[in-house]
Protein backbone atom coordinates (compact mmCIF):
# COMPACT_ATOMS: atom_id res chain seq x y z
CA UNK A 1 -23.62 7.61 -18.98
CA UNK A 2 -22.60 4.33 -20.60
CA UNK A 3 -18.93 3.42 -20.75
CA UNK A 4 -17.52 2.84 -24.23
CA UNK A 5 -16.15 -0.60 -25.12
CA UNK A 6 -13.68 1.07 -27.47
CA UNK A 7 -10.23 0.58 -25.83
CA UNK A 8 -8.88 3.63 -27.65
CA UNK A 9 -11.52 5.87 -26.10
CA UNK A 10 -11.01 4.34 -22.66
CA UNK A 11 -7.24 4.91 -22.96
CA UNK A 12 -7.86 8.52 -23.95
CA UNK A 13 -10.08 8.97 -20.87
CA UNK A 14 -7.34 7.44 -18.72
CA UNK A 15 -4.76 9.83 -20.20
CA UNK A 16 -7.00 12.73 -19.28
CA UNK A 17 -7.01 11.50 -15.67
CA UNK A 18 -3.20 11.38 -15.69
CA UNK A 19 -3.03 14.86 -17.19
CA UNK A 20 -5.26 16.16 -14.40
CA UNK A 21 -3.14 14.47 -11.72
CA UNK A 22 0.06 16.02 -13.08
CA UNK A 23 -1.43 19.46 -13.60
CA UNK A 24 -0.74 22.36 -11.18
CA UNK A 25 -4.21 21.74 -9.72
CA UNK A 26 -3.58 17.99 -9.47
CA UNK A 27 -1.93 15.71 -6.91
CA UNK A 28 1.20 17.00 -5.07
CA UNK A 29 2.59 13.46 -4.73
CA UNK A 30 2.16 12.62 -8.42
CA UNK A 31 3.77 15.90 -9.49
CA UNK A 32 6.86 15.11 -7.39
CA UNK A 33 7.50 11.73 -9.02
CA UNK A 34 10.36 10.96 -11.42
CA UNK A 35 11.39 7.92 -13.45
CA UNK A 36 13.82 7.07 -10.63
CA UNK A 37 11.23 7.35 -7.85
CA UNK A 38 8.70 5.27 -9.78
CA UNK A 39 10.95 2.44 -10.94
CA UNK A 40 10.41 0.24 -7.87
CA UNK A 41 6.63 0.41 -8.30
CA UNK A 42 6.87 -1.13 -11.76
CA UNK A 43 8.73 -4.10 -10.31
CA UNK A 44 6.28 -4.43 -7.40
CA UNK A 45 3.26 -4.30 -9.71
CA UNK A 46 4.83 -6.87 -12.03
CA UNK A 47 5.19 -9.25 -9.09
CA UNK A 48 1.53 -8.65 -8.24
CA UNK A 49 0.63 -9.72 -11.79
CA UNK A 50 2.83 -12.80 -11.38
CA UNK A 51 1.03 -13.68 -8.15
CA UNK A 52 -2.41 -13.23 -9.73
CA UNK A 53 -1.42 -15.64 -12.50
CA UNK A 54 -0.12 -18.14 -9.95
CA UNK A 55 -3.42 -17.90 -8.06
CA UNK A 56 -5.34 -18.21 -11.35
CA UNK A 57 -7.47 -15.25 -10.28
CA UNK A 58 -8.78 -13.46 -13.37
CA UNK A 59 -10.34 -10.72 -11.25
CA UNK A 60 -7.04 -10.01 -9.52
CA UNK A 61 -5.14 -10.30 -12.80
CA UNK A 62 -7.37 -7.65 -14.39
CA UNK A 63 -6.77 -5.30 -11.48
CA UNK A 64 -3.00 -5.83 -11.39
CA UNK A 65 -2.62 -5.43 -15.15
CA UNK A 66 -4.32 -2.07 -14.71
CA UNK A 67 -1.66 -1.11 -12.16
CA UNK A 68 1.09 -2.07 -14.62
CA UNK A 69 -0.64 0.00 -17.32
CA UNK A 70 -0.68 2.92 -14.88
CA UNK A 71 3.10 2.70 -14.61
CA UNK A 72 3.50 2.71 -18.41
CA UNK A 73 1.22 5.73 -18.74
CA UNK A 74 2.88 7.53 -15.81
CA UNK A 75 6.41 7.10 -17.20
CA UNK A 76 5.25 8.13 -20.67
CA UNK A 77 3.54 11.25 -19.30
CA UNK A 78 6.73 12.26 -17.47
CA UNK A 79 8.79 11.62 -20.62
CA UNK A 80 6.42 13.75 -22.68
CA UNK A 81 6.87 16.64 -20.24
CA UNK A 82 10.63 16.45 -20.69
CA UNK A 83 10.29 16.25 -24.47
CA UNK A 84 11.73 12.72 -24.66
CA UNK A 85 8.83 10.67 -26.05
CA UNK A 86 5.08 10.17 -25.75
CA UNK A 87 2.79 7.22 -25.08
CA UNK A 88 1.98 7.27 -28.79
CA UNK A 89 5.69 6.77 -29.52
CA UNK A 90 5.76 3.84 -27.11
CA UNK A 91 2.74 2.18 -28.70
CA UNK A 92 3.92 2.78 -32.26
CA UNK A 93 7.39 1.54 -31.41
CA UNK A 94 6.18 -1.76 -30.01
CA UNK A 95 3.67 -2.16 -32.88
CA UNK A 96 6.46 -1.84 -35.43
CA UNK A 97 8.68 -4.15 -33.40
CA UNK A 98 6.04 -6.92 -33.29
CA UNK A 99 5.57 -6.74 -37.06
CA UNK A 100 9.33 -6.72 -37.63
CA UNK A 101 9.91 -9.70 -35.34
CA UNK A 102 7.10 -11.79 -36.83
CA UNK A 103 8.07 -11.99 -40.51
CA UNK A 104 6.45 -15.45 -40.62
CA UNK A 105 3.11 -13.68 -39.99
CA UNK A 106 3.51 -10.31 -41.70
CA UNK A 107 5.94 -11.30 -44.45
CA UNK A 108 6.95 -14.37 -46.44
CA UNK A 109 9.32 -16.04 -43.96
CA UNK A 110 8.58 -19.68 -43.09
CA UNK A 111 9.07 -21.26 -39.66
CA UNK A 112 8.81 -24.77 -38.34
CA UNK A 113 7.24 -24.59 -34.89
CA UNK A 114 7.65 -22.41 -31.80
CA UNK A 115 11.35 -23.19 -31.35
CA UNK A 116 12.07 -21.94 -34.85
CA UNK A 117 10.19 -18.73 -34.00
CA UNK A 118 12.48 -18.19 -30.98
CA UNK A 119 15.58 -18.63 -33.12
CA UNK A 120 14.35 -16.12 -35.70
CA UNK A 121 13.30 -13.71 -32.91
CA UNK A 122 16.81 -13.66 -31.43
CA UNK A 123 18.40 -13.27 -34.86
CA UNK A 124 16.16 -10.28 -35.63
CA UNK A 125 16.92 -8.72 -32.23
CA UNK A 126 20.62 -9.00 -32.96
CA UNK A 127 20.18 -7.23 -36.31
CA UNK A 128 18.19 -4.45 -34.62
CA UNK A 129 21.01 -3.64 -32.23
CA UNK A 130 23.71 -1.33 -33.45
CA UNK A 131 27.03 -3.09 -33.90
CA UNK A 132 29.51 -1.79 -31.33
CA UNK A 133 32.93 -2.83 -30.09
CA UNK A 134 31.24 -3.94 -26.87
CA UNK A 135 28.66 -6.14 -28.61
CA UNK A 136 28.17 -9.16 -26.33
CA UNK A 137 25.77 -11.98 -25.60
CA UNK A 138 26.00 -11.01 -21.92
CA UNK A 139 23.93 -7.80 -22.22
CA UNK A 140 21.28 -9.02 -19.77
CA UNK A 141 19.87 -6.33 -17.40
CA UNK A 142 21.43 -6.40 -13.93
CA UNK A 143 18.09 -5.35 -12.42
CA UNK A 144 16.48 -8.62 -13.50
CA UNK A 145 15.58 -11.19 -10.83
CA UNK A 146 18.96 -12.88 -10.08
CA UNK A 147 17.66 -16.40 -10.72
CA UNK A 148 16.09 -15.44 -14.03
CA UNK A 149 19.20 -13.44 -14.96
CA UNK A 150 21.41 -16.47 -14.28
CA UNK A 151 19.16 -18.60 -16.45
CA UNK A 152 19.17 -16.06 -19.28
CA UNK A 153 22.94 -15.66 -19.14
CA UNK A 154 23.34 -19.42 -19.36
CA UNK A 155 20.94 -19.60 -22.32
CA UNK A 156 22.92 -16.87 -24.06
CA UNK A 157 26.18 -18.76 -23.48
CA UNK A 158 24.54 -21.95 -24.77
CA UNK A 159 23.75 -20.16 -28.04
CA UNK A 160 27.51 -19.86 -28.53
CA UNK A 161 27.96 -23.57 -27.78
CA UNK A 162 29.25 -23.00 -24.23
CA UNK A 163 27.02 -25.53 -22.46
CA UNK A 164 26.90 -29.02 -21.02
CA UNK A 165 25.64 -31.58 -23.56
CA UNK A 166 23.21 -33.01 -21.00
CA UNK A 167 22.04 -32.70 -17.39
CA UNK A 168 24.80 -35.00 -16.11
CA UNK A 169 27.45 -32.37 -16.66
CA UNK A 170 25.32 -29.77 -14.84
CA UNK A 171 24.76 -32.20 -11.97
CA UNK A 172 28.47 -32.93 -11.59
CA UNK A 173 29.27 -29.21 -11.70
CA UNK A 174 26.78 -28.57 -8.90
CA UNK A 175 28.43 -31.26 -6.77
CA UNK A 176 31.84 -29.70 -7.46
CA UNK A 177 30.56 -26.29 -6.34
CA UNK A 178 29.03 -27.82 -3.19
CA UNK A 179 32.40 -29.35 -2.30
CA UNK A 180 34.09 -25.96 -2.76
CA UNK A 181 31.48 -24.33 -0.52
CA UNK A 182 32.08 -26.97 2.13
CA UNK A 183 35.81 -26.19 2.00
CA UNK A 184 35.16 -22.47 2.34
CA UNK A 185 32.93 -23.09 5.36
CA UNK A 186 35.65 -25.20 6.96
CA UNK A 187 38.13 -22.29 6.78
CA UNK A 188 35.47 -19.68 7.72
CA UNK A 189 36.52 -17.39 4.89
CA UNK A 190 33.55 -15.01 4.59
CA UNK A 191 34.43 -13.65 1.14
CA UNK A 192 35.10 -17.11 -0.24
CA UNK A 193 31.89 -18.47 1.34
CA UNK A 194 29.86 -15.78 -0.43
CA UNK A 195 31.55 -16.49 -3.75
CA UNK A 196 31.08 -20.24 -3.45
CA UNK A 197 27.47 -19.81 -2.32
CA UNK A 198 26.85 -17.79 -5.48
CA UNK A 199 28.47 -20.53 -7.56
CA UNK A 200 26.14 -23.09 -5.96
CA UNK A 201 23.08 -21.00 -6.82
CA UNK A 202 24.34 -20.53 -10.38
CA UNK A 203 24.95 -24.26 -10.82
CA UNK A 204 21.48 -25.06 -9.42
CA UNK A 205 19.92 -22.72 -11.96
CA UNK A 206 21.94 -24.43 -14.66
CA UNK A 207 20.65 -27.83 -13.57
CA UNK A 208 17.07 -26.50 -13.61
CA UNK A 209 17.63 -25.21 -17.12
CA UNK A 210 18.90 -28.58 -18.32
CA UNK A 211 15.83 -30.18 -16.74
CA UNK A 212 13.62 -27.56 -18.47
CA UNK A 213 12.42 -26.43 -15.04
CA UNK A 214 11.75 -22.83 -13.95
CA UNK A 215 14.14 -22.12 -11.02
CA UNK A 216 11.91 -19.37 -9.60
CA UNK A 217 8.84 -21.63 -9.69
CA UNK A 218 10.82 -24.38 -7.93
CA UNK A 219 11.98 -22.02 -5.17
CA UNK A 220 8.55 -20.41 -4.85
CA UNK A 221 6.95 -23.84 -4.37
CA UNK A 222 9.35 -24.50 -1.48
CA UNK A 223 8.68 -21.04 -0.03
CA UNK A 224 4.93 -21.72 -0.05
CA UNK A 225 5.46 -25.15 1.49
CA UNK A 226 7.57 -23.64 4.27
CA UNK A 227 4.94 -20.96 4.97
CA UNK A 228 2.13 -23.54 5.20
CA UNK A 229 4.09 -25.76 7.59
CA UNK A 230 5.26 -22.89 9.78
CA UNK A 231 1.75 -21.47 10.02
CA UNK A 232 0.53 -24.95 11.08
CA UNK A 233 3.14 -24.88 13.86
CA UNK A 234 1.92 -21.46 14.95
CA UNK A 235 -1.66 -22.74 15.11
CA UNK A 236 -0.67 -25.74 17.22
CA UNK A 237 1.28 -23.55 19.63
CA UNK A 238 -1.65 -21.15 19.87
CA UNK A 239 -4.05 -23.99 20.68
CA UNK A 240 -1.65 -25.15 23.39
CA UNK A 241 -1.56 -21.55 24.64
CA UNK A 242 2.23 -21.52 24.44
CA UNK A 243 4.04 -18.85 22.37
CA UNK A 244 6.00 -20.55 19.62
CA UNK A 245 9.23 -18.82 20.65
CA UNK A 246 8.82 -20.25 24.18
CA UNK A 247 9.13 -23.80 22.88
CA UNK A 248 12.51 -25.48 22.84
CA UNK A 249 14.14 -26.27 19.50
CA UNK A 250 13.36 -29.95 20.10
CA UNK A 251 9.67 -29.15 20.67
CA UNK A 252 9.54 -26.96 17.58
CA UNK A 253 11.18 -29.70 15.56
CA UNK A 254 8.51 -32.13 16.79
CA UNK A 255 5.79 -29.76 15.54
CA UNK A 256 7.66 -29.37 12.25
CA UNK A 257 7.76 -33.11 11.68
CA UNK A 258 4.05 -33.33 12.46
CA UNK A 259 3.38 -30.51 9.97
CA UNK A 260 5.26 -32.44 7.29
CA UNK A 261 3.02 -35.45 7.90
CA UNK A 262 -0.19 -33.43 7.92
CA UNK A 263 0.65 -31.17 4.98
CA UNK A 264 2.11 -33.61 2.49
């Protein structure tokens, strides 16, 4: 039997699989799941997509996007069972939202480049939200990656004019926070050290933003570099038939310096 290339039919077939899994004759594990129990999987699968993009693997990207779709379908199926909403509601909602937020495509609004689109997008989002006494630019999800959340909070503040005019101000602020961290370390005040460490991270993100640099990409690059160098050290120790943790710190440092030369 040939598979249809119609995405609507394939989605319908997928929904039938989910219905079977959640039926009394289906999977015991699937039937026990809730929105709360599933939430971590959505984050994990999103990171898998991120990794596939970083690796530029289209095969892996296809597979991981399927896993993200599974989470969307799973949550929608659970919501339908509780009478909250259906997958159709989700699809129709986002379809209407995309039309509403692209008046320069579906209406007669004019824009001048991608930056202008972003400005209009944020303005439309603000209109969509109900006006409340607690209306704030700081309504950024706490569950977001902390580095990305810091960046988004700073961008929101910048929209109100609360921002350094250039990278020099961000650089000087980072140095100020580093000095405060050094002072906290000198007095061994654990609570203050944590607070100042957070301020240093926040100021580093701010500097990245002013440099138009992705803070997560910058940190991930260093993570990957560290992994490559440490694995090189492990290989050298293995060839010497000496467990890495049996080497002195001076010997490990020698290997590390060699790894930096080899893996530039």
